[in-house]
Amino acid sequence: GGSLRLSCGASGIIFSTHVMGWYRQAPGKQ
C-alpha cells in the first residue's frame, strides 16, 4: 500500500529523442 519514486539519470545520449521505459525483474522471472 505504500509508495516509492524511482529516478534514472542518463548520460552519453541525446536523451530527449528516445522513448524511455522502466523495466523490472523479479527473482526467477524474465
Full PDB file with SEQRES, HELIX, SHEET, SSBOND, CRYST1, ORIGX, SCALE, CONECT and MASTER records, all heavy atoms in Angstrom:
SEQRES   1 A   30  GLY GLY SER LEU ARG LEU SER CYS GLY ALA SER GLY ILE          
SEQRES   2 A   30  ILE PHE SER THR HIS VAL MET GLY TRP TYR ARG GLN ALA          
SEQRES   3 A   30  PRO GLY LYS GLN                                              
HELIX    1 AA1 PHE A   15  THR A   17  5                                   3    
CRYST1    1.000    1.000    1.000  90.00  90.00  90.00 P 1           1          
ORIGX1      1.000000  0.000000  0.000000        0.00000                         
ORIGX2      0.000000  1.000000  0.000000        0.00000                         
ORIGX3      0.000000  0.000000  1.000000        0.00000                         
SCALE1      1.000000  0.000000  0.000000        0.00000                         
SCALE2      0.000000  1.000000  0.000000        0.00000                         
SCALE3      0.000000  0.000000  1.000000        0.00000                         
ATOM      1  N   GLY A   1       0.791  -1.222   0.000  1.00  0.00           N  
ATOM      2  CA  GLY A   1       0.000   0.000   0.000  1.00  0.00           C  
ATOM      3  C   GLY A   1       0.824   1.272   0.000  1.00  0.00           C  
ATOM      4  O   GLY A   1       0.278   2.370  -0.185  1.00  0.00           O  
ATOM      5  N   GLY A   2       2.115   1.139   0.190  1.00  0.00           N  
ATOM      6  CA  GLY A   2       2.997   2.295   0.234  1.00  0.00           C  
ATOM      7  C   GLY A   2       3.393   2.810  -1.132  1.00  0.00           C  
ATOM      8  O   GLY A   2       2.937   2.296  -2.171  1.00  0.00           O  
ATOM      9  N   SER A   3       4.256   3.811  -1.131  1.00  0.00           N  
ATOM     10  CA  SER A   3       4.683   4.471  -2.370  1.00  0.00           C  
ATOM     11  C   SER A   3       6.195   4.634  -2.402  1.00  0.00           C  
ATOM     12  O   SER A   3       6.846   4.727  -1.353  1.00  0.00           O  
ATOM     13  CB  SER A   3       4.039   5.857  -2.481  1.00  0.00           C  
ATOM     14  OG  SER A   3       2.635   5.781  -2.534  1.00  0.00           O  
ATOM     15  N   LEU A   4       6.714   4.674  -3.601  1.00  0.00           N  
ATOM     16  CA  LEU A   4       8.116   4.992  -3.847  1.00  0.00           C  
ATOM     17  C   LEU A   4       8.205   5.774  -5.149  1.00  0.00           C  
ATOM     18  O   LEU A   4       7.357   5.614  -6.038  1.00  0.00           O  
ATOM     19  CB  LEU A   4       8.970   3.728  -3.974  1.00  0.00           C  
ATOM     20  CG  LEU A   4       9.355   2.964  -2.704  1.00  0.00           C  
ATOM     21  CD1 LEU A   4      10.058   1.670  -3.078  1.00  0.00           C  
ATOM     22  CD2 LEU A   4      10.236   3.807  -1.812  1.00  0.00           C  
ATOM     23  N   ARG A   5       9.262   6.577  -5.254  1.00  0.00           N  
ATOM     24  CA  ARG A   5       9.531   7.285  -6.501  1.00  0.00           C  
ATOM     25  C   ARG A   5      10.933   6.931  -6.959  1.00  0.00           C  
ATOM     26  O   ARG A   5      11.915   7.237  -6.258  1.00  0.00           O  
ATOM     27  CB  ARG A   5       9.399   8.796  -6.339  1.00  0.00           C  
ATOM     28  CG  ARG A   5       9.487   9.547  -7.663  1.00  0.00           C  
ATOM     29  CD  ARG A   5       9.602  11.029  -7.447  1.00  0.00           C  
ATOM     30  NE  ARG A   5       9.371  11.785  -8.666  1.00  0.00           N  
ATOM     31  CZ  ARG A   5       9.934  12.955  -8.934  1.00  0.00           C  
ATOM     32  NH1 ARG A   5      10.764  13.503  -8.066  1.00  0.00           N  
ATOM     33  NH2 ARG A   5       9.665  13.585 -10.067  1.00  0.00           N  
ATOM     34  N   LEU A   6      11.027   6.326  -8.113  1.00  0.00           N  
ATOM     35  CA  LEU A   6      12.314   5.952  -8.683  1.00  0.00           C  
ATOM     36  C   LEU A   6      12.785   7.029  -9.655  1.00  0.00           C  
ATOM     37  O   LEU A   6      11.976   7.689 -10.309  1.00  0.00           O  
ATOM     38  CB  LEU A   6      12.213   4.624  -9.417  1.00  0.00           C  
ATOM     39  CG  LEU A   6      11.619   3.449  -8.648  1.00  0.00           C  
ATOM     40  CD1 LEU A   6      11.679   2.186  -9.513  1.00  0.00           C  
ATOM     41  CD2 LEU A   6      12.316   3.240  -7.327  1.00  0.00           C  
ATOM     42  N   SER A   7      14.107   7.175  -9.748  1.00  0.00           N  
ATOM     43  CA  SER A   7      14.712   8.104 -10.696  1.00  0.00           C  
ATOM     44  C   SER A   7      15.768   7.366 -11.510  1.00  0.00           C  
ATOM     45  O   SER A   7      16.391   6.418 -11.024  1.00  0.00           O  
ATOM     46  CB  SER A   7      15.380   9.266  -9.970  1.00  0.00           C  
ATOM     47  OG  SER A   7      14.452  10.001  -9.213  1.00  0.00           O  
ATOM     48  N   CYS A   8      15.963   7.836 -12.714  1.00  0.00           N  
ATOM     49  CA  CYS A   8      17.006   7.265 -13.574  1.00  0.00           C  
ATOM     50  C   CYS A   8      17.649   8.395 -14.358  1.00  0.00           C  
ATOM     51  O   CYS A   8      16.987   9.065 -15.154  1.00  0.00           O  
ATOM     52  CB  CYS A   8      16.421   6.237 -14.518  1.00  0.00           C  
ATOM     53  SG  CYS A   8      17.597   5.648 -15.762  1.00  0.00           S  
ATOM     54  N   GLY A   9      18.945   8.597 -14.117  1.00  0.00           N  
ATOM     55  CA  GLY A   9      19.699   9.585 -14.856  1.00  0.00           C  
ATOM     56  C   GLY A   9      20.444   8.937 -16.002  1.00  0.00           C  
ATOM     57  O   GLY A   9      21.008   7.851 -15.854  1.00  0.00           O  
ATOM     58  N   ALA A  10      20.456   9.612 -17.137  1.00  0.00           N  
ATOM     59  CA  ALA A  10      21.109   9.075 -18.331  1.00  0.00           C  
ATOM     60  C   ALA A  10      22.182  10.041 -18.813  1.00  0.00           C  
ATOM     61  O   ALA A  10      22.010  11.260 -18.747  1.00  0.00           O  
ATOM     62  CB  ALA A  10      20.091   8.847 -19.431  1.00  0.00           C  
ATOM     63  N   SER A  11      23.278   9.499 -19.294  1.00  0.00           N  
ATOM     64  CA  SER A  11      24.341  10.318 -19.870  1.00  0.00           C  
ATOM     65  C   SER A  11      24.883   9.615 -21.099  1.00  0.00           C  
ATOM     66  O   SER A  11      24.709   8.405 -21.274  1.00  0.00           O  
ATOM     67  CB  SER A  11      25.454  10.562 -18.850  1.00  0.00           C  
ATOM     68  OG  SER A  11      26.025   9.339 -18.430  1.00  0.00           O  
ATOM     69  N   GLY A  12      25.521  10.383 -21.951  1.00  0.00           N  
ATOM     70  CA  GLY A  12      26.118   9.817 -23.155  1.00  0.00           C  
ATOM     71  C   GLY A  12      25.165   9.658 -24.313  1.00  0.00           C  
ATOM     72  O   GLY A  12      25.512   9.020 -25.309  1.00  0.00           O  
ATOM     73  N   ILE A  13      23.976  10.237 -24.210  1.00  0.00           N  
ATOM     74  CA  ILE A  13      22.979  10.125 -25.266  1.00  0.00           C  
ATOM     75  C   ILE A  13      22.260  11.449 -25.434  1.00  0.00           C  
ATOM     76  O   ILE A  13      22.319  12.309 -24.554  1.00  0.00           O  
ATOM     77  CB  ILE A  13      21.911   9.044 -24.933  1.00  0.00           C  
ATOM     78  CG1 ILE A  13      21.260   9.344 -23.570  1.00  0.00           C  
ATOM     79  CG2 ILE A  13      22.498   7.661 -24.980  1.00  0.00           C  
ATOM     80  CD1 ILE A  13      20.091   8.478 -23.239  1.00  0.00           C  
ATOM     81  N   ILE A  14      21.568  11.590 -26.566  1.00  0.00           N  
ATOM     82  CA  ILE A  14      20.633  12.711 -26.719  1.00  0.00           C  
ATOM     83  C   ILE A  14      19.315  12.214 -26.167  1.00  0.00           C  
ATOM     84  O   ILE A  14      18.462  11.675 -26.878  1.00  0.00           O  
ATOM     85  CB  ILE A  14      20.528  13.139 -28.195  1.00  0.00           C  
ATOM     86  CG1 ILE A  14      21.916  13.496 -28.733  1.00  0.00           C  
ATOM     87  CG2 ILE A  14      19.588  14.341 -28.314  1.00  0.00           C  
ATOM     88  CD1 ILE A  14      21.931  13.803 -30.218  1.00  0.00           C  
ATOM     89  N   PHE A  15      19.152  12.392 -24.872  1.00  0.00           N  
ATOM     90  CA  PHE A  15      18.078  11.768 -24.105  1.00  0.00           C  
ATOM     91  C   PHE A  15      16.698  12.063 -24.674  1.00  0.00           C  
ATOM     92  O   PHE A  15      15.849  11.181 -24.785  1.00  0.00           O  
ATOM     93  CB  PHE A  15      18.175  12.250 -22.657  1.00  0.00           C  
ATOM     94  CG  PHE A  15      17.107  11.723 -21.745  1.00  0.00           C  
ATOM     95  CD1 PHE A  15      17.184  10.456 -21.210  1.00  0.00           C  
ATOM     96  CD2 PHE A  15      16.025  12.532 -21.392  1.00  0.00           C  
ATOM     97  CE1 PHE A  15      16.211   9.976 -20.347  1.00  0.00           C  
ATOM     98  CE2 PHE A  15      15.046  12.069 -20.540  1.00  0.00           C  
ATOM     99  CZ  PHE A  15      15.138  10.788 -20.015  1.00  0.00           C  
ATOM    100  N   SER A  16      16.476  13.300 -25.056  1.00  0.00           N  
ATOM    101  CA  SER A  16      15.134  13.751 -25.401  1.00  0.00           C  
ATOM    102  C   SER A  16      14.576  13.067 -26.645  1.00  0.00           C  
ATOM    103  O   SER A  16      13.372  13.104 -26.879  1.00  0.00           O  
ATOM    104  CB  SER A  16      15.118  15.259 -25.595  1.00  0.00           C  
ATOM    105  OG  SER A  16      15.973  15.619 -26.658  1.00  0.00           O  
ATOM    106  N   THR A  17      15.401  12.439 -27.440  1.00  0.00           N  
ATOM    107  CA  THR A  17      14.923  11.840 -28.693  1.00  0.00           C  
ATOM    108  C   THR A  17      14.451  10.401 -28.532  1.00  0.00           C  
ATOM    109  O   THR A  17      13.928   9.819 -29.478  1.00  0.00           O  
ATOM    110  CB  THR A  17      16.027  11.857 -29.752  1.00  0.00           C  
ATOM    111  OG1 THR A  17      17.122  11.035 -29.305  1.00  0.00           O  
ATOM    112  CG2 THR A  17      16.520  13.265 -30.006  1.00  0.00           C  
ATOM    113  N   HIS A  18      14.614   9.837 -27.346  1.00  0.00           N  
ATOM    114  CA  HIS A  18      14.342   8.413 -27.162  1.00  0.00           C  
ATOM    115  C   HIS A  18      13.069   8.143 -26.368  1.00  0.00           C  
ATOM    116  O   HIS A  18      12.754   8.867 -25.421  1.00  0.00           O  
ATOM    117  CB  HIS A  18      15.515   7.740 -26.440  1.00  0.00           C  
ATOM    118  CG  HIS A  18      16.782   7.772 -27.229  1.00  0.00           C  
ATOM    119  ND1 HIS A  18      17.016   6.912 -28.293  1.00  0.00           N  
ATOM    120  CD2 HIS A  18      17.872   8.553 -27.127  1.00  0.00           C  
ATOM    121  CE1 HIS A  18      18.198   7.171 -28.794  1.00  0.00           C  
ATOM    122  NE2 HIS A  18      18.745   8.161 -28.118  1.00  0.00           N  
ATOM    123  N   VAL A  19      12.378   7.075 -26.758  1.00  0.00           N  
ATOM    124  CA  VAL A  19      11.291   6.550 -25.934  1.00  0.00           C  
ATOM    125  C   VAL A  19      11.936   5.789 -24.786  1.00  0.00           C  
ATOM    126  O   VAL A  19      12.673   4.831 -25.004  1.00  0.00           O  
ATOM    127  CB  VAL A  19      10.358   5.617 -26.726  1.00  0.00           C  
ATOM    128  CG1 VAL A  19       9.267   5.057 -25.814  1.00  0.00           C  
ATOM    129  CG2 VAL A  19       9.757   6.347 -27.918  1.00  0.00           C  
ATOM    130  N   MET A  20      11.658   6.212 -23.584  1.00  0.00           N  
ATOM    131  CA  MET A  20      12.270   5.609 -22.405  1.00  0.00           C  
ATOM    132  C   MET A  20      11.273   4.700 -21.697  1.00  0.00           C  
ATOM    133  O   MET A  20      10.065   4.889 -21.768  1.00  0.00           O  
ATOM    134  CB  MET A  20      12.768   6.676 -21.439  1.00  0.00           C  
ATOM    135  CG  MET A  20      13.892   7.520 -21.994  1.00  0.00           C  
ATOM    136  SD  MET A  20      15.378   6.567 -22.359  1.00  0.00           S  
ATOM    137  CE  MET A  20      15.843   5.992 -20.720  1.00  0.00           C  
ATOM    138  N   GLY A  21      11.812   3.723 -20.997  1.00  0.00           N  
ATOM    139  CA  GLY A  21      10.953   2.784 -20.298  1.00  0.00           C  
ATOM    140  C   GLY A  21      11.515   2.377 -18.958  1.00  0.00           C  
ATOM    141  O   GLY A  21      12.720   2.507 -18.710  1.00  0.00           O  
ATOM    142  N   TRP A  22      10.633   1.919 -18.106  1.00  0.00           N  
ATOM    143  CA  TRP A  22      11.020   1.267 -16.857  1.00  0.00           C  
ATOM    144  C   TRP A  22      10.721  -0.219 -17.005  1.00  0.00           C  
ATOM    145  O   TRP A  22       9.626  -0.614 -17.441  1.00  0.00           O  
ATOM    146  CB  TRP A  22      10.262   1.842 -15.665  1.00  0.00           C  
ATOM    147  CG  TRP A  22      10.829   3.129 -15.167  1.00  0.00           C  
ATOM    148  CD1 TRP A  22      10.407   4.389 -15.463  1.00  0.00           C  
ATOM    149  CD2 TRP A  22      11.946   3.276 -14.275  1.00  0.00           C  
ATOM    150  NE1 TRP A  22      11.192   5.319 -14.815  1.00  0.00           N  
ATOM    151  CE2 TRP A  22      12.130   4.657 -14.073  1.00  0.00           C  
ATOM    152  CE3 TRP A  22      12.796   2.386 -13.619  1.00  0.00           C  
ATOM    153  CZ2 TRP A  22      13.144   5.168 -13.248  1.00  0.00           C  
ATOM    154  CZ3 TRP A  22      13.791   2.888 -12.797  1.00  0.00           C  
ATOM    155  CH2 TRP A  22      13.957   4.265 -12.616  1.00  0.00           C  
ATOM    156  N   TYR A  23      11.703  -1.007 -16.635  1.00  0.00           N  
ATOM    157  CA  TYR A  23      11.606  -2.450 -16.660  1.00  0.00           C  
ATOM    158  C   TYR A  23      11.777  -2.960 -15.232  1.00  0.00           C  
ATOM    159  O   TYR A  23      12.333  -2.277 -14.381  1.00  0.00           O  
ATOM    160  CB  TYR A  23      12.729  -3.051 -17.506  1.00  0.00           C  
ATOM    161  CG  TYR A  23      12.768  -2.635 -18.955  1.00  0.00           C  
ATOM    162  CD1 TYR A  23      13.184  -1.356 -19.330  1.00  0.00           C  
ATOM    163  CD2 TYR A  23      12.420  -3.522 -19.968  1.00  0.00           C  
ATOM    164  CE1 TYR A  23      13.240  -0.977 -20.663  1.00  0.00           C  
ATOM    165  CE2 TYR A  23      12.492  -3.163 -21.311  1.00  0.00           C  
ATOM    166  CZ  TYR A  23      12.899  -1.888 -21.643  1.00  0.00           C  
ATOM    167  OH  TYR A  23      12.970  -1.527 -22.969  1.00  0.00           O  
ATOM    168  N   ARG A  24      11.349  -4.193 -15.016  1.00  0.00           N  
ATOM    169  CA  ARG A  24      11.624  -4.811 -13.722  1.00  0.00           C  
ATOM    170  C   ARG A  24      11.884  -6.297 -13.903  1.00  0.00           C  
ATOM    171  O   ARG A  24      11.401  -6.915 -14.853  1.00  0.00           O  
ATOM    172  CB  ARG A  24      10.467  -4.588 -12.743  1.00  0.00           C  
ATOM    173  CG  ARG A  24       9.172  -5.316 -13.083  1.00  0.00           C  
ATOM    174  CD  ARG A  24       8.084  -4.915 -12.096  1.00  0.00           C  
ATOM    175  NE  ARG A  24       6.833  -5.623 -12.366  1.00  0.00           N  
ATOM    176  CZ  ARG A  24       5.701  -5.368 -11.722  1.00  0.00           C  
ATOM    177  NH1 ARG A  24       5.657  -4.428 -10.782  1.00  0.00           N  
ATOM    178  NH2 ARG A  24       4.616  -6.068 -12.016  1.00  0.00           N  
ATOM    179  N   GLN A  25      12.655  -6.830 -12.975  1.00  0.00           N  
ATOM    180  CA  GLN A  25      12.958  -8.258 -12.998  1.00  0.00           C  
ATOM    181  C   GLN A  25      12.834  -8.812 -11.592  1.00  0.00           C  
ATOM    182  O   GLN A  25      13.603  -8.422 -10.695  1.00  0.00           O  
ATOM    183  CB  GLN A  25      14.353  -8.524 -13.548  1.00  0.00           C  
ATOM    184  CG  GLN A  25      14.646 -10.005 -13.747  1.00  0.00           C  
ATOM    185  CD  GLN A  25      15.879 -10.250 -14.598  1.00  0.00           C  
ATOM    186  OE1 GLN A  25      16.738  -9.390 -14.741  1.00  0.00           O  
ATOM    187  NE2 GLN A  25      15.956 -11.436 -15.173  1.00  0.00           N  
ATOM    188  N   ALA A  26      11.856  -9.677 -11.415  1.00  0.00           N  
ATOM    189  CA  ALA A  26      11.653 -10.341 -10.131  1.00  0.00           C  
ATOM    190  C   ALA A  26      12.497 -11.615 -10.081  1.00  0.00           C  
ATOM    191  O   ALA A  26      12.867 -12.162 -11.131  1.00  0.00           O  
ATOM    192  CB  ALA A  26      10.179 -10.668  -9.939  1.00  0.00           C  
ATOM    193  N   PRO A  27      12.804 -12.105  -8.895  1.00  0.00           N  
ATOM    194  CA  PRO A  27      13.616 -13.322  -8.781  1.00  0.00           C  
ATOM    195  C   PRO A  27      13.007 -14.486  -9.553  1.00  0.00           C  
ATOM    196  O   PRO A  27      11.817 -14.774  -9.420  1.00  0.00           O  
ATOM    197  CB  PRO A  27      13.610 -13.592  -7.276  1.00  0.00           C  
ATOM    198  CG  PRO A  27      13.392 -12.274  -6.647  1.00  0.00           C  
ATOM    199  CD  PRO A  27      12.478 -11.532  -7.579  1.00  0.00           C  
ATOM    200  N   GLY A  28      13.812 -15.116 -10.394  1.00  0.00           N  
ATOM    201  CA  GLY A  28      13.358 -16.270 -11.145  1.00  0.00           C  
ATOM    202  C   GLY A  28      12.477 -15.954 -12.338  1.00  0.00           C  
ATOM    203  O   GLY A  28      11.948 -16.873 -12.980  1.00  0.00           O  
ATOM    204  N   LYS A  29      12.308 -14.678 -12.645  1.00  0.00           N  
ATOM    205  CA  LYS A  29      11.444 -14.286 -13.756  1.00  0.00           C  
ATOM    206  C   LYS A  29      12.222 -13.477 -14.786  1.00  0.00           C  
ATOM    207  O   LYS A  29      13.280 -12.929 -14.496  1.00  0.00           O  
ATOM    208  CB  LYS A  29      10.252 -13.476 -13.254  1.00  0.00           C  
ATOM    209  CG  LYS A  29       9.310 -14.269 -12.357  1.00  0.00           C  
ATOM    210  CD  LYS A  29       8.071 -13.453 -12.021  1.00  0.00           C  
ATOM    211  CE  LYS A  29       7.096 -14.245 -11.173  1.00  0.00           C  
ATOM    212  NZ  LYS A  29       5.870 -13.454 -10.857  1.00  0.00           N  
ATOM    213  N   GLN A  30      11.658 -13.393 -15.980  1.00  0.00           N  
ATOM    214  CA  GLN A  30      12.286 -12.586 -17.024  1.00  0.00           C  
ATOM    215  C   GLN A  30      12.032 -11.100 -16.771  1.00  0.00           C  
ATOM    216  O   GLN A  30      11.048 -10.715 -16.126  1.00  0.00           O  
ATOM    217  CB  GLN A  30      11.720 -12.979 -18.389  1.00  0.00           C  
ATOM    218  CG  GLN A  30      12.181 -14.342 -18.878  1.00  0.00           C  
ATOM    219  CD  GLN A  30      11.821 -14.570 -20.333  1.00  0.00           C  
ATOM    220  OE1 GLN A  30      10.834 -14.060 -20.827  1.00  0.00           O  
ATOM    221  NE2 GLN A  30      12.645 -15.360 -21.021  1.00  0.00           N  
TER     222      GLN A  30                                                      
MASTER        0    0    0    1    0    0    0    6  221    1    0    3          
END                                                                             
